[in-house]
Amino acid sequence: MTVKDEFRKHLRTAMKAAGVKPKGPDLERAFNLEWRGQPITKQSATNWISGKHMPRPDKLLVLAKVLKTDPHALLYGAAQSMAVGEKPGVWESRATHAERQAIEAFLGLTAQHQLVVRDVINALALAYGAVQPNKK
């Protein structure tokens, strides 16, 4: 399954959970109520829902807000998103001072920049075998 297929699946799930019909005009309306930039078109919303295109990171953040979910859940699924918080404190006992500083710096970034950093870390972990790819 491609990244776009995964996104499509997670977006549809989040839309249903938020009570938004998985139709372009409905998503367009809901999104444009929150978005402060150039409004998206019905076609853009339809392309997101169909998995033809994915939103830019700034739009992904607004989309997650509209759907009352986490941007990470839209990209990777709610189960993986929830797993991040399941064992609070486990990493703290293993983290070095430099790693804690990096985490503090990360937390000081904007949400958009945090999303980029998470994507880079996930890509590196996948490339170097630190995590297994999703097999569905």
C-alpha atoms as a PDB file:
ATOM      1  CA  MET A   1       0.000   0.000   0.000  1.00  0.00           C
ATOM      2  CA  THR A   2       1.413   3.427  -0.932  1.00  0.00           C
ATOM      3  CA  VAL A   3       1.712   6.425   1.382  1.00  0.00           C
ATOM      4  CA  LYS A   4      -1.158   8.076  -0.487  1.00  0.00           C
ATOM      5  CA  ASP A   5      -3.316   4.955  -0.047  1.00  0.00           C
ATOM      6  CA  GLU A   6      -2.579   4.941   3.676  1.00  0.00           C
ATOM      7  CA  PHE A   7      -3.377   8.649   3.934  1.00  0.00           C
ATOM      8  CA  ARG A   8      -6.655   8.144   2.037  1.00  0.00           C
ATOM      9  CA  LYS A   9      -7.680   5.364   4.418  1.00  0.00           C
ATOM     10  CA  HIS A  10      -6.787   7.349   7.548  1.00  0.00           C
ATOM     11  CA  LEU A  11      -8.437  10.517   6.221  1.00  0.00           C
ATOM     12  CA  ARG A  12     -11.708   8.707   5.499  1.00  0.00           C
ATOM     13  CA  THR A  13     -11.671   7.139   8.973  1.00  0.00           C
ATOM     14  CA  ALA A  14     -11.056  10.522  10.620  1.00  0.00           C
ATOM     15  CA  MET A  15     -13.776  12.175   8.536  1.00  0.00           C
ATOM     16  CA  LYS A  16     -16.335   9.565   9.569  1.00  0.00           C
ATOM     17  CA  ALA A  17     -15.312   9.903  13.224  1.00  0.00           C
ATOM     18  CA  ALA A  18     -15.682  13.699  12.990  1.00  0.00           C
ATOM     19  CA  GLY A  19     -19.080  13.438  11.311  1.00  0.00           C
ATOM     20  CA  VAL A  20     -17.863  14.799   7.968  1.00  0.00           C
ATOM     21  CA  LYS A  21     -19.132  12.898   4.932  1.00  0.00           C
ATOM     22  CA  PRO A  22     -16.227  11.610   2.813  1.00  0.00           C
ATOM     23  CA  LYS A  23     -17.203  13.865  -0.088  1.00  0.00           C
ATOM     24  CA  GLY A  24     -15.224  16.710  -1.638  1.00  0.00           C
ATOM     25  CA  PRO A  25     -17.768  19.501  -1.051  1.00  0.00           C
ATOM     26  CA  ASP A  26     -18.234  18.555   2.617  1.00  0.00           C
ATOM     27  CA  LEU A  27     -14.497  18.458   3.325  1.00  0.00           C
ATOM     28  CA  GLU A  28     -13.947  21.649   1.325  1.00  0.00           C
ATOM     29  CA  ARG A  29     -16.529  23.515   3.408  1.00  0.00           C
ATOM     30  CA  ALA A  30     -15.236  22.235   6.753  1.00  0.00           C
ATOM     31  CA  PHE A  31     -11.602  22.887   5.846  1.00  0.00           C
ATOM     32  CA  ASN A  32     -12.140  26.408   4.493  1.00  0.00           C
ATOM     33  CA  LEU A  33     -13.890  27.467   7.719  1.00  0.00           C
ATOM     34  CA  GLU A  34     -10.562  27.005   9.559  1.00  0.00           C
ATOM     35  CA  TRP A  35      -8.007  27.708   6.805  1.00  0.00           C
ATOM     36  CA  ARG A  36      -6.794  31.315   6.646  1.00  0.00           C
ATOM     37  CA  GLY A  37      -5.067  31.078   3.270  1.00  0.00           C
ATOM     38  CA  GLN A  38      -6.400  30.771  -0.259  1.00  0.00           C
ATOM     39  CA  PRO A  39      -9.466  28.504   0.028  1.00  0.00           C
ATOM     40  CA  ILE A  40      -9.116  24.982  -1.301  1.00  0.00           C
ATOM     41  CA  THR A  41     -11.377  23.805  -4.108  1.00  0.00           C
ATOM     42  CA  LYS A  42     -13.783  20.864  -4.121  1.00  0.00           C
ATOM     43  CA  GLN A  43     -11.351  19.175  -6.487  1.00  0.00           C
ATOM     44  CA  SER A  44      -8.473  19.511  -4.000  1.00  0.00           C
ATOM     45  CA  ALA A  45     -10.606  18.023  -1.237  1.00  0.00           C
ATOM     46  CA  THR A  46     -11.748  15.223  -3.563  1.00  0.00           C
ATOM     47  CA  ASN A  47      -8.118  14.501  -4.494  1.00  0.00           C
ATOM     48  CA  TRP A  48      -7.202  14.178  -0.798  1.00  0.00           C
ATOM     49  CA  ILE A  49     -10.141  11.849  -0.134  1.00  0.00           C
ATOM     50  CA  SER A  50      -9.349   9.688  -3.154  1.00  0.00           C
ATOM     51  CA  GLY A  51      -5.635   9.514  -2.316  1.00  0.00           C
ATOM     52  CA  LYS A  52      -4.618  11.175  -5.575  1.00  0.00           C
ATOM     53  CA  HIS A  53      -2.829  13.971  -3.705  1.00  0.00           C
ATOM     54  CA  MET A  54      -1.821  14.715  -0.139  1.00  0.00           C
ATOM     55  CA  PRO A  55      -2.079  18.095   1.584  1.00  0.00           C
ATOM     56  CA  ARG A  56       1.003  20.193   2.261  1.00  0.00           C
ATOM     57  CA  PRO A  57       2.166  20.107   5.906  1.00  0.00           C
ATOM     58  CA  ASP A  58       0.524  23.459   6.741  1.00  0.00           C
ATOM     59  CA  LYS A  59      -2.789  22.228   5.364  1.00  0.00           C
ATOM     60  CA  LEU A  60      -2.366  18.855   7.063  1.00  0.00           C
ATOM     61  CA  LEU A  61      -2.236  20.626  10.421  1.00  0.00           C
ATOM     62  CA  VAL A  62      -5.468  22.499   9.714  1.00  0.00           C
ATOM     63  CA  LEU A  63      -7.086  19.336   8.336  1.00  0.00           C
ATOM     64  CA  ALA A  64      -6.238  17.506  11.562  1.00  0.00           C
ATOM     65  CA  LYS A  65      -7.702  20.373  13.591  1.00  0.00           C
ATOM     66  CA  VAL A  66     -10.912  20.324  11.538  1.00  0.00           C
ATOM     67  CA  LEU A  67     -11.238  16.564  12.023  1.00  0.00           C
ATOM     68  CA  LYS A  68     -10.288  16.763  15.713  1.00  0.00           C
ATOM     69  CA  THR A  69      -7.397  14.351  15.320  1.00  0.00           C
ATOM     70  CA  ASP A  70      -3.621  14.360  15.329  1.00  0.00           C
ATOM     71  CA  PRO A  71      -1.745  15.042  12.067  1.00  0.00           C
ATOM     72  CA  HIS A  72       0.319  11.955  12.821  1.00  0.00           C
ATOM     73  CA  ALA A  73      -2.876   9.880  12.916  1.00  0.00           C
ATOM     74  CA  LEU A  74      -3.809  11.111   9.439  1.00  0.00           C
ATOM     75  CA  LEU A  75      -0.436  10.049   8.083  1.00  0.00           C
ATOM     76  CA  TYR A  76       0.229   6.868  10.026  1.00  0.00           C
ATOM     77  CA  GLY A  77      -3.031   5.810  11.655  1.00  0.00           C
ATOM     78  CA  ALA A  78      -4.596   6.332  15.056  1.00  0.00           C
ATOM     79  CA  ALA A  79      -3.207   3.113  16.539  1.00  0.00           C
ATOM     80  CA  GLN A  80       0.377   4.176  15.890  1.00  0.00           C
ATOM     81  CA  SER A  81      -0.385   7.687  17.098  1.00  0.00           C
ATOM     82  CA  MET A  82      -1.810   6.387  20.375  1.00  0.00           C
ATOM     83  CA  ALA A  83       1.130   4.023  20.852  1.00  0.00           C
ATOM     84  CA  VAL A  84       3.462   6.997  21.272  1.00  0.00           C
ATOM     85  CA  GLY A  85       1.919   7.843  24.632  1.00  0.00           C
ATOM     86  CA  GLU A  86       1.292   4.348  25.956  1.00  0.00           C
ATOM     87  CA  LYS A  87       4.483   4.077  28.009  1.00  0.00           C
ATOM     88  CA  PRO A  88       5.344   7.562  29.245  1.00  0.00           C
ATOM     89  CA  GLY A  89       8.753   7.889  30.789  1.00  0.00           C
ATOM     90  CA  VAL A  90      10.352   4.760  29.289  1.00  0.00           C
ATOM     91  CA  TRP A  91      12.644   6.708  26.955  1.00  0.00           C
ATOM     92  CA  GLU A  92      13.615   9.155  29.696  1.00  0.00           C
ATOM     93  CA  SER A  93      15.645   6.561  31.572  1.00  0.00           C
ATOM     94  CA  ARG A  94      17.642   5.745  28.422  1.00  0.00           C
ATOM     95  CA  ALA A  95      18.069   9.228  26.912  1.00  0.00           C
ATOM     96  CA  THR A  96      21.416  10.984  27.103  1.00  0.00           C
ATOM     97  CA  HIS A  97      21.729  14.660  27.966  1.00  0.00           C
ATOM     98  CA  ALA A  98      22.233  15.509  24.275  1.00  0.00           C
ATOM     99  CA  GLU A  99      19.116  13.553  23.329  1.00  0.00           C
ATOM    100  CA  ARG A 100      17.067  15.371  25.971  1.00  0.00           C
ATOM    101  CA  GLN A 101      18.347  18.698  24.624  1.00  0.00           C
ATOM    102  CA  ALA A 102      17.307  17.660  21.119  1.00  0.00           C
ATOM    103  CA  ILE A 103      13.835  16.772  22.384  1.00  0.00           C
ATOM    104  CA  GLU A 104      13.533  20.119  24.164  1.00  0.00           C
ATOM    105  CA  ALA A 105      14.561  21.901  20.957  1.00  0.00           C
ATOM    106  CA  PHE A 106      12.016  19.830  19.027  1.00  0.00           C
ATOM    107  CA  LEU A 107       9.252  20.815  21.448  1.00  0.00           C
ATOM    108  CA  GLY A 108      10.138  24.478  20.857  1.00  0.00           C
ATOM    109  CA  LEU A 109       9.481  24.175  17.105  1.00  0.00           C
ATOM    110  CA  THR A 110       6.232  25.104  15.426  1.00  0.00           C
ATOM    111  CA  ALA A 111       3.792  22.249  14.820  1.00  0.00           C
ATOM    112  CA  GLN A 112       4.580  22.395  11.109  1.00  0.00           C
ATOM    113  CA  HIS A 113       8.322  22.041  11.717  1.00  0.00           C
ATOM    114  CA  GLN A 114       7.738  19.252  14.235  1.00  0.00           C
ATOM    115  CA  LEU A 115       5.854  17.348  11.541  1.00  0.00           C
ATOM    116  CA  VAL A 116       8.812  17.672   9.164  1.00  0.00           C
ATOM    117  CA  VAL A 117      11.269  16.499  11.838  1.00  0.00           C
ATOM    118  CA  ARG A 118       9.083  13.496  12.699  1.00  0.00           C
ATOM    119  CA  ASP A 119       8.896  12.532   9.030  1.00  0.00           C
ATOM    120  CA  VAL A 120      12.684  12.743   8.692  1.00  0.00           C
ATOM    121  CA  ILE A 121      13.243  10.657  11.833  1.00  0.00           C
ATOM    122  CA  ASN A 122      10.709   8.040  10.706  1.00  0.00           C
ATOM    123  CA  ALA A 123      12.299   7.862   7.241  1.00  0.00           C
ATOM    124  CA  LEU A 124      15.795   7.436   8.721  1.00  0.00           C
ATOM    125  CA  ALA A 125      14.605   4.795  11.180  1.00  0.00           C
ATOM    126  CA  LEU A 126      12.921   2.891   8.371  1.00  0.00           C
ATOM    127  CA  ALA A 127      15.952   3.201   6.068  1.00  0.00           C
ATOM    128  CA  TYR A 128      18.354   1.938   8.723  1.00  0.00           C
ATOM    129  CA  GLY A 129      16.141  -0.865   9.984  1.00  0.00           C
ATOM    130  CA  ALA A 130      15.322   0.701  13.360  1.00  0.00           C
ATOM    131  CA  VAL A 131      11.626   0.109  12.657  1.00  0.00           C
ATOM    132  CA  GLN A 132       9.784  -2.330  10.464  1.00  0.00           C
ATOM    133  CA  PRO A 133       7.656  -1.027   7.598  1.00  0.00           C
ATOM    134  CA  ASN A 134       3.878  -1.274   7.895  1.00  0.00           C
ATOM    135  CA  LYS A 135       2.748  -4.503   6.241  1.00  0.00           C
ATOM    136  CA  LYS A 136      -0.940  -4.406   5.400  1.00  0.00           C
END
